[in-house]
Amino acid sequence: MKRCWLQRAAIVLLGYLWAIAAGATPASGAQVLTLKACVKQAIRYNNTLRSYASQRRAVAMEVKQALSPFYPTLSLGTSYERADKEFSPRTNDTDIRLKATYNLFRGGGDWSTLKSKRHSYQVSDYEYLEQGLSVVASVEDTFFAILSLKNRLNVLKKSVDAAALHAKLARKRVEANLAPLSDQLRAQVDLANARVDLVKAQRDLKTLKHTLNILMGWPPSRAFNLKKGAIILKAGPMPLKKLFALAKLKRPVLKSYHEKILELEWQEKSARAEFFPTVDTYATTGSEGHDTLPDQNKWSVGIELQYPFFSGFSTKYAVESTRAQLESQRWEYQQKVLEVQKEIADAHEQFKTDERVITAQETLLKSALENLKVAQRRYEVGVGSIVELTDARVDTTKAAIGLENAKLTVLGDEIELRRATGWFVPLIKSLEGNNHVSKPKP
């Protein structure tokens, strides 16, 4: 009997260990997610990012559509005509023809249009990557905000315990006629405030989880747990000039603006092509029949030259309009470079400032804890007041929460620097291969 019991226990233990190795979810049904898993899920299923991927696929089809002028066009036509004339017999005519046409020369307009569409595709690709940067940064911000809020919940729970202890001390002193009833009431109010702060933090935690679910393309109420993670501060300590150079090399929005300039340059060439003649060649074959003549086959080949002498100055104005758009886009590119540099400079300065805030908050928390111990001893021996004690608890809680917020802010500055410099682009490209919407090839 004992041996059978040991065998059953071993089987249960092996099953439990196998479930852990297989990554099974906890009994509560909540999935445990790492930071990498959250980012991967968002890249695959974020609805906004899916929309940008679909737009990119649509532009890729436009590129393929722009290739159509380089192929011959084939058309098949047929006609039937019945004619009644006053002094002639009725006639029935039939005609069947197959025609092939090929554009020999369009002033380079077809080639310019193709090049313009290819740059348009690059614009859509960089817009997808830019949106991916925002999604990844939002996921990481929310991920660490949830972890930080959990630490704040622990602080607030300790604060509630401290307030409950102070209320107990105040009640004992009132019962022993060593303190007025107002001390007990004050301590009870302080305890109620501490509990309210805890409930508000629990509500904020649920809200942040809803936000992360939406970013990952899940319903807001889906349950999950986060596995603690951290990121190494790499972008923050870098020199500002190096961050500028990194953004110029990787930031998709800058590349997108540059591609728009190239797109407009080719659009101008396409518009100028209307000044040139067009040369088309064609070949036709078919058969026709009449009532009075037998059916006969026919064929023909030819070449057609057309030159637009006058079109109401529409081509001239189209070229001038495209030139103006090109000039506007160049100025927009210069402005966007300055805006990106401002984003980086602001985040870099904020990072350096917030690092100093962490040191100050650590010192403040240490002093607040010492002050709380002193205030509690003073109240126990009847020297201090309940106001001094409750204020010391509030100051300690604020200092602990301030330290957590400062650490979260530094992480946020690091993430913002990575977004502004295009740091996440290689990660997005590596995860994009697993996306349900594969990247099209124009």
Protein backbone atom coordinates (compact mmCIF):
# COMPACT_ATOMS: atom_id res chain seq x y z
CA MET A 1 0.00 0.00 0.00
CA LYS A 2 2.79 2.40 0.89
CA ARG A 3 4.59 1.59 -2.35
CA CYS A 4 1.44 2.36 -4.43
CA TRP A 5 1.02 5.66 -2.63
CA LEU A 6 4.62 6.60 -3.41
CA GLN A 7 4.12 5.70 -7.07
CA ARG A 8 1.02 7.91 -7.32
CA ALA A 9 2.86 10.78 -5.64
CA ALA A 10 5.76 10.43 -8.07
CA ILE A 11 3.38 10.48 -11.05
CA VAL A 12 1.67 13.62 -9.75
CA LEU A 13 5.04 15.31 -9.16
CA LEU A 14 6.29 14.44 -12.64
CA GLY A 15 3.07 15.78 -14.16
CA TYR A 16 3.45 19.03 -12.25
CA LEU A 17 7.07 19.44 -13.33
CA TRP A 18 6.13 18.68 -16.96
CA ALA A 19 3.41 21.36 -16.83
CA ILE A 20 5.93 23.91 -15.58
CA ALA A 21 8.44 22.96 -18.28
CA ALA A 22 5.73 23.25 -20.94
CA GLY A 23 4.89 26.75 -19.80
CA ALA A 24 1.40 25.95 -18.56
CA THR A 25 -0.68 28.79 -17.21
CA PRO A 26 -1.49 29.01 -13.51
CA ALA A 27 -4.60 27.38 -12.10
CA SER A 28 -6.35 30.75 -12.14
CA GLY A 29 -6.16 30.75 -15.96
CA ALA A 30 -4.12 33.96 -16.10
CA GLN A 31 -1.30 33.83 -18.65
CA VAL A 32 2.16 34.85 -17.43
CA LEU A 33 3.78 37.30 -19.84
CA THR A 34 7.31 38.58 -20.18
CA LEU A 35 8.20 41.93 -21.72
CA LYS A 36 9.35 40.22 -24.92
CA ALA A 37 6.10 38.25 -25.15
CA CYS A 38 4.03 41.44 -24.78
CA VAL A 39 5.98 43.21 -27.52
CA LYS A 40 5.74 40.19 -29.83
CA GLN A 41 2.00 39.95 -29.26
CA ALA A 42 1.54 43.66 -30.01
CA ILE A 43 3.56 43.49 -33.23
CA ARG A 44 1.42 40.60 -34.43
CA TYR A 45 -2.06 41.65 -33.32
CA ASN A 46 -2.18 45.38 -32.64
CA ASN A 47 -5.07 46.59 -34.79
CA THR A 48 -3.53 49.96 -35.65
CA LEU A 49 -0.35 48.26 -36.80
CA ARG A 50 -2.42 45.80 -38.83
CA SER A 51 -4.07 48.75 -40.55
CA TYR A 52 -0.69 50.22 -41.51
CA ALA A 53 0.42 46.81 -42.83
CA SER A 54 -2.70 46.60 -45.01
CA GLN A 55 -2.07 50.11 -46.35
CA ARG A 56 1.47 49.09 -47.23
CA ARG A 57 0.15 46.04 -49.09
CA ALA A 58 -2.23 48.28 -51.05
CA VAL A 59 0.68 50.51 -52.14
CA ALA A 60 2.64 47.41 -53.16
CA MET A 61 -0.21 46.53 -55.52
CA GLU A 62 -0.04 50.05 -56.96
CA VAL A 63 3.63 49.45 -57.77
CA LYS A 64 2.72 46.30 -59.67
CA GLN A 65 -0.07 48.18 -61.39
CA ALA A 66 2.48 50.79 -62.55
CA LEU A 67 4.27 48.01 -64.46
CA SER A 68 1.31 47.46 -66.79
CA PRO A 69 2.38 50.08 -69.43
CA PHE A 70 5.54 48.02 -70.07
CA TYR A 71 3.44 45.11 -71.36
CA PRO A 72 1.45 44.98 -74.62
CA THR A 73 -2.30 45.35 -74.43
CA LEU A 74 -4.50 42.79 -76.15
CA SER A 75 -8.14 43.39 -77.10
CA LEU A 76 -10.71 41.23 -78.84
CA GLY A 77 -13.65 42.89 -80.60
CA THR A 78 -16.59 41.82 -82.73
CA SER A 79 -19.39 43.69 -84.46
CA TYR A 80 -22.52 42.95 -86.45
CA GLU A 81 -24.30 45.46 -88.71
CA ARG A 82 -27.56 45.09 -90.59
CA ALA A 83 -28.32 47.85 -93.11
CA ASP A 84 -31.52 48.58 -95.07
CA LYS A 85 -31.27 51.13 -97.87
CA GLU A 86 -34.00 52.46 -100.15
CA PHE A 87 -32.46 51.47 -103.47
CA SER A 88 -30.12 48.72 -102.29
CA PRO A 89 -30.68 45.24 -100.94
CA ARG A 90 -30.43 44.57 -97.23
CA THR A 91 -26.89 43.76 -96.05
CA ASN A 92 -25.54 41.89 -93.03
CA ASP A 93 -21.92 42.61 -92.12
CA THR A 94 -19.87 40.84 -89.42
CA ASP A 95 -16.39 41.65 -88.16
CA ILE A 96 -14.10 39.86 -85.66
CA ARG A 97 -10.70 41.36 -84.80
CA LEU A 98 -7.83 40.81 -82.37
CA LYS A 99 -5.59 43.83 -81.72
CA ALA A 100 -2.24 44.09 -79.93
CA THR A 101 -0.84 47.50 -78.98
CA TYR A 102 2.54 48.35 -77.48
CA ASN A 103 3.76 51.73 -76.22
CA LEU A 104 7.17 52.43 -77.71
CA PHE A 105 7.70 55.86 -76.18
CA ARG A 106 5.81 58.02 -73.69
CA GLY A 107 8.41 60.63 -72.94
CA GLY A 108 9.71 58.57 -70.00
CA GLY A 109 6.43 59.07 -68.15
CA ASP A 110 5.77 55.38 -67.53
CA TRP A 111 9.24 54.83 -66.07
CA SER A 112 8.93 57.94 -63.90
CA THR A 113 5.55 56.81 -62.61
CA LEU A 114 6.99 53.40 -61.70
CA LYS A 115 9.89 54.96 -59.81
CA SER A 116 7.50 57.30 -58.01
CA LYS A 117 5.31 54.40 -56.90
CA ARG A 118 8.32 52.48 -55.62
CA HIS A 119 9.30 55.43 -53.45
CA SER A 120 5.67 55.65 -52.34
CA TYR A 121 5.93 52.04 -51.18
CA GLN A 122 9.05 52.89 -49.19
CA VAL A 123 7.11 55.73 -47.57
CA SER A 124 4.36 53.32 -46.49
CA ASP A 125 6.95 50.86 -45.17
CA TYR A 126 8.63 53.54 -43.05
CA GLU A 127 5.24 54.74 -41.81
CA TYR A 128 4.55 51.18 -40.66
CA LEU A 129 7.87 51.06 -38.82
CA GLU A 130 7.22 54.48 -37.24
CA GLN A 131 3.88 53.29 -35.95
CA GLY A 132 5.63 50.15 -34.73
CA LEU A 133 7.99 52.32 -32.69
CA SER A 134 5.02 53.98 -30.98
CA VAL A 135 3.36 50.63 -30.27
CA VAL A 136 6.51 49.06 -28.80
CA ALA A 137 7.22 52.15 -26.68
CA SER A 138 3.62 52.18 -25.39
CA VAL A 139 3.79 48.47 -24.53
CA GLU A 140 7.05 48.87 -22.62
CA ASP A 141 5.80 52.00 -20.83
CA THR A 142 2.61 50.23 -19.75
CA PHE A 143 4.47 47.05 -18.80
CA PHE A 144 6.80 48.84 -16.40
CA ALA A 145 3.99 51.09 -15.15
CA ILE A 146 2.10 47.96 -14.05
CA LEU A 147 5.16 46.56 -12.27
CA SER A 148 5.80 49.91 -10.61
CA LEU A 149 2.18 50.18 -9.50
CA LYS A 150 2.42 46.75 -7.93
CA ASN A 151 5.36 48.03 -5.89
CA ARG A 152 3.28 51.06 -4.96
CA LEU A 153 0.50 48.72 -3.82
CA ASN A 154 2.95 47.02 -1.47
CA VAL A 155 3.91 50.44 -0.11
CA LEU A 156 0.26 51.39 0.39
CA LYS A 157 -0.52 48.07 2.09
CA LYS A 158 2.31 48.73 4.55
CA SER A 159 0.94 52.23 4.97
CA VAL A 160 -2.51 50.82 5.84
CA ASP A 161 -0.89 48.46 8.35
CA ALA A 162 0.99 51.37 9.92
CA ALA A 163 -2.19 53.49 10.09
CA ALA A 164 -4.05 50.56 11.70
CA LEU A 165 -1.26 50.25 14.29
CA HIS A 166 -1.46 53.98 15.02
CA ALA A 167 -5.24 53.74 15.43
CA LYS A 168 -4.75 50.88 17.88
CA LEU A 169 -2.19 52.88 19.87
CA ALA A 170 -4.49 55.90 19.95
CA ARG A 171 -7.42 53.78 21.17
CA LYS A 172 -5.35 52.28 23.98
CA ARG A 173 -4.16 55.71 25.09
CA VAL A 174 -7.71 57.06 25.05
CA GLU A 175 -8.96 54.08 27.04
CA ALA A 176 -6.16 54.69 29.57
CA ASN A 177 -7.15 58.39 29.76
CA LEU A 178 -3.70 59.35 28.48
CA ALA A 179 -4.96 61.10 25.33
CA PRO A 180 -8.14 62.90 24.26
CA LEU A 181 -10.80 61.24 22.13
CA SER A 182 -9.76 63.47 19.21
CA ASP A 183 -6.54 61.44 18.92
CA GLN A 184 -8.53 58.27 18.28
CA LEU A 185 -10.77 60.01 15.76
CA ARG A 186 -7.76 61.51 14.00
CA ALA A 187 -6.12 58.08 13.76
CA GLN A 188 -9.33 56.56 12.37
CA VAL A 189 -9.55 59.25 9.69
CA ASP A 190 -5.91 58.64 8.79
CA LEU A 191 -6.61 54.90 8.48
CA ALA A 192 -9.59 55.56 6.22
CA ASN A 193 -7.49 57.80 3.96
CA ALA A 194 -4.81 55.12 3.69
CA ARG A 195 -7.41 52.55 2.67
CA VAL A 196 -8.88 54.92 0.07
CA ASP A 197 -5.41 55.42 -1.45
CA LEU A 198 -5.00 51.63 -1.65
CA VAL A 199 -8.36 51.17 -3.39
CA LYS A 200 -7.54 53.91 -5.93
CA ALA A 201 -4.20 52.26 -6.71
CA GLN A 202 -5.95 48.90 -7.26
CA ARG A 203 -8.33 50.64 -9.67
CA ASP A 204 -5.40 52.22 -11.54
CA LEU A 205 -3.79 48.78 -11.84
CA LYS A 206 -6.87 47.39 -13.57
CA THR A 207 -6.95 50.37 -15.92
CA LEU A 208 -3.31 49.83 -16.90
CA LYS A 209 -3.97 46.16 -17.55
CA HIS A 210 -6.86 47.11 -19.80
CA THR A 211 -4.53 49.43 -21.71
CA LEU A 212 -1.91 46.72 -22.19
CA ASN A 213 -4.58 44.28 -23.38
CA ILE A 214 -5.77 46.74 -26.02
CA LEU A 215 -2.20 47.36 -27.20
CA MET A 216 -1.75 43.61 -27.67
CA GLY A 217 -5.05 43.27 -29.56
CA TRP A 218 -6.84 41.46 -26.73
CA PRO A 219 -10.18 42.23 -25.04
CA PRO A 220 -9.71 44.67 -22.12
CA SER A 221 -10.83 42.22 -19.43
CA ARG A 222 -8.52 39.34 -20.36
CA ALA A 223 -6.58 38.13 -17.31
CA PHE A 224 -2.79 37.95 -17.29
CA ASN A 225 0.16 38.25 -14.95
CA LEU A 226 3.47 39.90 -15.70
CA LYS A 227 6.84 38.40 -15.03
CA LYS A 228 9.24 40.92 -13.57
CA GLY A 229 11.71 42.28 -16.08
CA ALA A 230 14.15 45.10 -16.53
CA ILE A 231 15.94 46.96 -19.30
CA ILE A 232 19.52 48.12 -19.21
CA LEU A 233 19.85 51.88 -19.49
CA LYS A 234 21.80 52.28 -22.73
CA ALA A 235 20.32 55.21 -24.63
CA GLY A 236 20.21 57.60 -21.67
CA PRO A 237 23.94 57.61 -20.87
CA MET A 238 24.89 58.12 -24.54
CA PRO A 239 26.13 61.58 -25.70
CA LEU A 240 23.54 63.78 -27.36
CA LYS A 241 25.46 63.97 -30.68
CA LYS A 242 25.58 60.20 -30.89
CA LEU A 243 21.83 60.02 -30.31
CA PHE A 244 21.27 62.54 -33.12
CA ALA A 245 23.41 60.47 -35.48
CA LEU A 246 21.54 57.30 -34.48
CA ALA A 247 18.18 58.93 -35.21
CA LYS A 248 19.35 60.13 -38.62
CA LEU A 249 20.40 56.58 -39.41
CA LYS A 250 17.41 54.63 -38.05
CA ARG A 251 14.38 56.84 -37.39
CA PRO A 252 11.71 55.77 -39.91
CA VAL A 253 9.88 59.11 -40.01
CA LEU A 254 12.99 60.88 -41.32
CA LYS A 255 13.48 58.23 -43.98
CA SER A 256 9.81 58.51 -44.86
CA TYR A 257 10.09 62.28 -45.42
CA HIS A 258 13.20 61.74 -47.56
CA GLU A 259 11.40 59.12 -49.65
CA LYS A 260 8.54 61.57 -50.19
CA ILE A 261 11.05 64.01 -51.69
CA LEU A 262 12.29 61.34 -54.11
CA GLU A 263 8.70 60.40 -54.94
CA LEU A 264 7.86 64.00 -55.85
CA GLU A 265 11.02 64.33 -57.95
CA TRP A 266 9.87 61.40 -60.10
CA GLN A 267 6.32 62.77 -60.20
CA GLU A 268 7.75 65.99 -61.68
CA LYS A 269 9.54 63.97 -64.36
CA SER A 270 6.31 62.10 -65.06
CA ALA A 271 4.45 65.39 -65.48
CA ARG A 272 7.16 66.73 -67.83
CA ALA A 273 6.73 63.64 -70.01
CA GLU A 274 3.51 65.18 -71.37
CA PHE A 275 5.65 67.64 -73.34
CA PHE A 276 7.01 64.78 -75.49
CA PRO A 277 5.32 62.89 -78.33
CA THR A 278 4.00 59.37 -77.89
CA VAL A 279 4.79 56.50 -80.23
CA ASP A 280 2.61 53.38 -80.32
CA THR A 281 2.76 50.33 -82.56
CA TYR A 282 -0.11 47.97 -83.19
CA ALA A 283 -1.00 44.78 -85.03
CA THR A 284 -4.51 43.59 -85.95
CA THR A 285 -5.89 40.34 -87.30
CA GLY A 286 -9.42 39.08 -87.86
CA SER A 287 -12.09 38.27 -90.39
CA GLU A 288 -15.11 40.02 -91.89
CA GLY A 289 -18.04 38.87 -93.95
CA HIS A 290 -20.74 40.39 -96.17
CA ASP A 291 -23.87 39.06 -97.79
CA THR A 292 -22.51 39.70 -101.28
CA LEU A 293 -18.89 38.67 -100.59
CA PRO A 294 -17.40 35.56 -99.01
CA ASP A 295 -15.78 35.75 -95.55
CA GLN A 296 -12.21 36.91 -95.75
CA ASN A 297 -9.30 37.15 -93.29
CA LYS A 298 -7.47 40.40 -92.81
CA TRP A 299 -4.46 41.73 -90.89
CA SER A 300 -2.68 45.01 -90.46
CA VAL A 301 0.31 46.54 -88.67
CA GLY A 302 1.06 50.17 -88.06
CA ILE A 303 2.80 52.78 -86.02
CA GLU A 304 1.14 55.86 -84.55
CA LEU A 305 2.80 59.15 -83.56
CA GLN A 306 0.97 61.78 -81.52
CA TYR A 307 2.27 65.12 -80.37
CA PRO A 308 0.28 67.37 -77.99
CA PHE A 309 0.52 70.86 -79.50
CA PHE A 310 -1.82 72.56 -77.06
CA SER A 311 -3.72 71.38 -73.98
CA GLY A 312 -4.72 74.62 -72.31
CA PHE A 313 -1.38 74.90 -70.42
CA SER A 314 -2.46 71.98 -68.18
CA THR A 315 0.92 70.24 -68.48
CA LYS A 316 2.81 73.42 -67.61
CA TYR A 317 0.72 74.03 -64.52
CA ALA A 318 0.95 70.38 -63.47
CA VAL A 319 4.76 70.61 -63.57
CA GLU A 320 4.76 73.88 -61.62
CA SER A 321 2.41 72.41 -59.02
CA THR A 322 4.63 69.36 -58.53
CA ARG A 323 7.70 71.58 -58.17
CA ALA A 324 5.96 73.62 -55.48
CA GLN A 325 4.99 70.43 -53.62
CA LEU A 326 8.59 69.24 -53.89
CA GLU A 327 9.91 72.46 -52.42
CA SER A 328 7.35 72.25 -49.61
CA GLN A 329 8.35 68.67 -48.84
CA ARG A 330 12.02 69.62 -48.60
CA TRP A 331 11.22 72.29 -46.02
CA GLU A 332 9.03 69.82 -44.14
CA TYR A 333 11.93 67.38 -44.04
CA GLN A 334 14.23 70.03 -42.55
CA GLN A 335 11.58 70.88 -39.95
CA LYS A 336 11.03 67.22 -39.07
CA VAL A 337 14.78 66.77 -38.48
CA LEU A 338 14.68 69.64 -35.99
CA GLU A 339 11.58 68.22 -34.30
CA VAL A 340 13.19 64.80 -33.90
CA GLN A 341 16.32 66.41 -32.47
CA LYS A 342 14.12 68.32 -30.01
CA GLU A 343 12.41 65.08 -28.94
CA ILE A 344 15.80 63.52 -28.26
CA ALA A 345 17.22 66.57 -26.49
CA ASP A 346 14.17 66.89 -24.22
CA ALA A 347 14.17 63.20 -23.31
CA HIS A 348 17.94 63.21 -22.75
CA GLU A 349 17.75 66.22 -20.41
CA GLN A 350 14.80 64.67 -18.60
CA PHE A 351 16.76 61.44 -18.16
CA LYS A 352 19.71 63.20 -16.54
CA THR A 353 17.42 65.19 -14.25
CA ASP A 354 15.35 62.18 -13.19
CA GLU A 355 18.47 60.20 -12.33
CA ARG A 356 19.34 62.89 -9.79
CA VAL A 357 15.76 62.79 -8.50
CA ILE A 358 16.16 59.08 -7.66
CA THR A 359 19.14 59.85 -5.42
CA ALA A 360 17.21 62.64 -3.72
CA GLN A 361 14.14 60.43 -3.23
CA GLU A 362 16.25 57.67 -1.67
CA THR A 363 17.64 60.16 0.83
CA LEU A 364 14.16 61.51 1.51
CA LEU A 365 12.74 58.04 2.12
CA LYS A 366 15.53 57.16 4.53
CA SER A 367 14.88 60.34 6.53
CA ALA A 368 11.11 59.79 6.47
CA LEU A 369 11.49 56.25 7.86
CA GLU A 370 13.68 57.52 10.69
CA ASN A 371 11.20 60.29 11.41
CA LEU A 372 8.33 57.76 11.51
CA LYS A 373 10.17 55.60 14.04
CA VAL A 374 10.91 58.62 16.23
CA ALA A 375 7.31 59.90 16.03
CA GLN A 376 5.92 56.47 16.93
CA ARG A 377 8.21 56.16 19.99
CA ARG A 378 7.39 59.70 21.06
CA TYR A 379 3.65 58.99 20.85
CA GLU A 380 3.99 55.70 22.73
CA VAL A 381 5.65 57.41 25.69
CA GLY A 382 3.20 60.32 25.61
CA VAL A 383 5.57 63.02 24.40
CA GLY A 384 4.46 63.36 20.76
CA SER A 385 1.03 64.12 19.31
CA ILE A 386 -1.20 62.06 17.02
CA VAL A 387 -0.84 64.74 14.33
CA GLU A 388 2.92 64.31 14.37
CA LEU A 389 2.51 60.54 14.02
CA THR A 390 -0.02 60.63 11.18
CA ASP A 391 2.00 63.26 9.32
CA ALA A 392 5.09 61.08 9.63
CA ARG A 393 3.20 58.12 8.13
CA VAL A 394 1.93 60.23 5.25
CA ASP A 395 5.42 61.62 4.58
CA THR A 396 6.91 58.12 4.56
CA THR A 397 4.26 56.85 2.13
CA LYS A 398 4.76 59.83 -0.18
CA ALA A 399 8.54 59.35 -0.12
CA ALA A 400 8.27 55.63 -0.95
CA ILE A 401 5.80 56.28 -3.77
CA GLY A 402 7.94 59.16 -5.01
CA LEU A 403 10.92 56.84 -5.26
CA GLU A 404 8.90 54.33 -7.29
CA ASN A 405 7.63 57.10 -9.56
CA ALA A 406 11.17 58.43 -10.07
CA LYS A 407 12.43 54.99 -11.08
CA LEU A 408 9.48 54.58 -13.46
CA THR A 409 10.13 58.03 -14.94
CA VAL A 410 13.76 57.16 -15.70
CA LEU A 411 12.62 54.00 -17.46
CA GLY A 412 10.11 56.09 -19.39
CA ASP A 413 12.86 58.50 -20.44
CA GLU A 414 14.98 55.58 -21.65
CA ILE A 415 12.08 54.15 -23.64
CA GLU A 416 11.30 57.57 -25.14
CA LEU A 417 14.93 57.97 -26.22
CA ARG A 418 14.83 54.56 -27.85
CA ARG A 419 11.64 55.45 -29.69
CA ALA A 420 12.94 58.85 -30.81
CA THR A 421 16.18 57.34 -32.15
CA GLY A 422 14.55 54.37 -33.91
CA TRP A 423 16.20 51.92 -31.52
CA PHE A 424 13.35 49.39 -31.84
CA VAL A 425 13.43 49.15 -35.66
CA PRO A 426 15.59 45.97 -35.82
CA LEU A 427 13.32 44.34 -33.22
CA ILE A 428 10.19 45.21 -35.21
CA LYS A 429 11.69 43.87 -38.43
CA SER A 430 12.71 40.61 -36.74
CA LEU A 431 9.22 40.10 -35.30
CA GLU A 432 7.45 41.17 -38.49
CA GLY A 433 8.21 37.84 -40.13
CA ASN A 434 5.82 36.19 -37.67
CA ASN A 435 3.03 38.64 -38.48
CA HIS A 436 -0.12 37.21 -40.04
CA VAL A 437 0.15 39.94 -42.69
CA SER A 438 3.44 39.18 -44.42
CA LYS A 439 5.42 42.03 -45.91
CA PRO A 440 4.62 42.27 -49.62
CA LYS A 441 7.25 42.52 -52.30
CA PRO A 442 6.40 45.29 -54.79
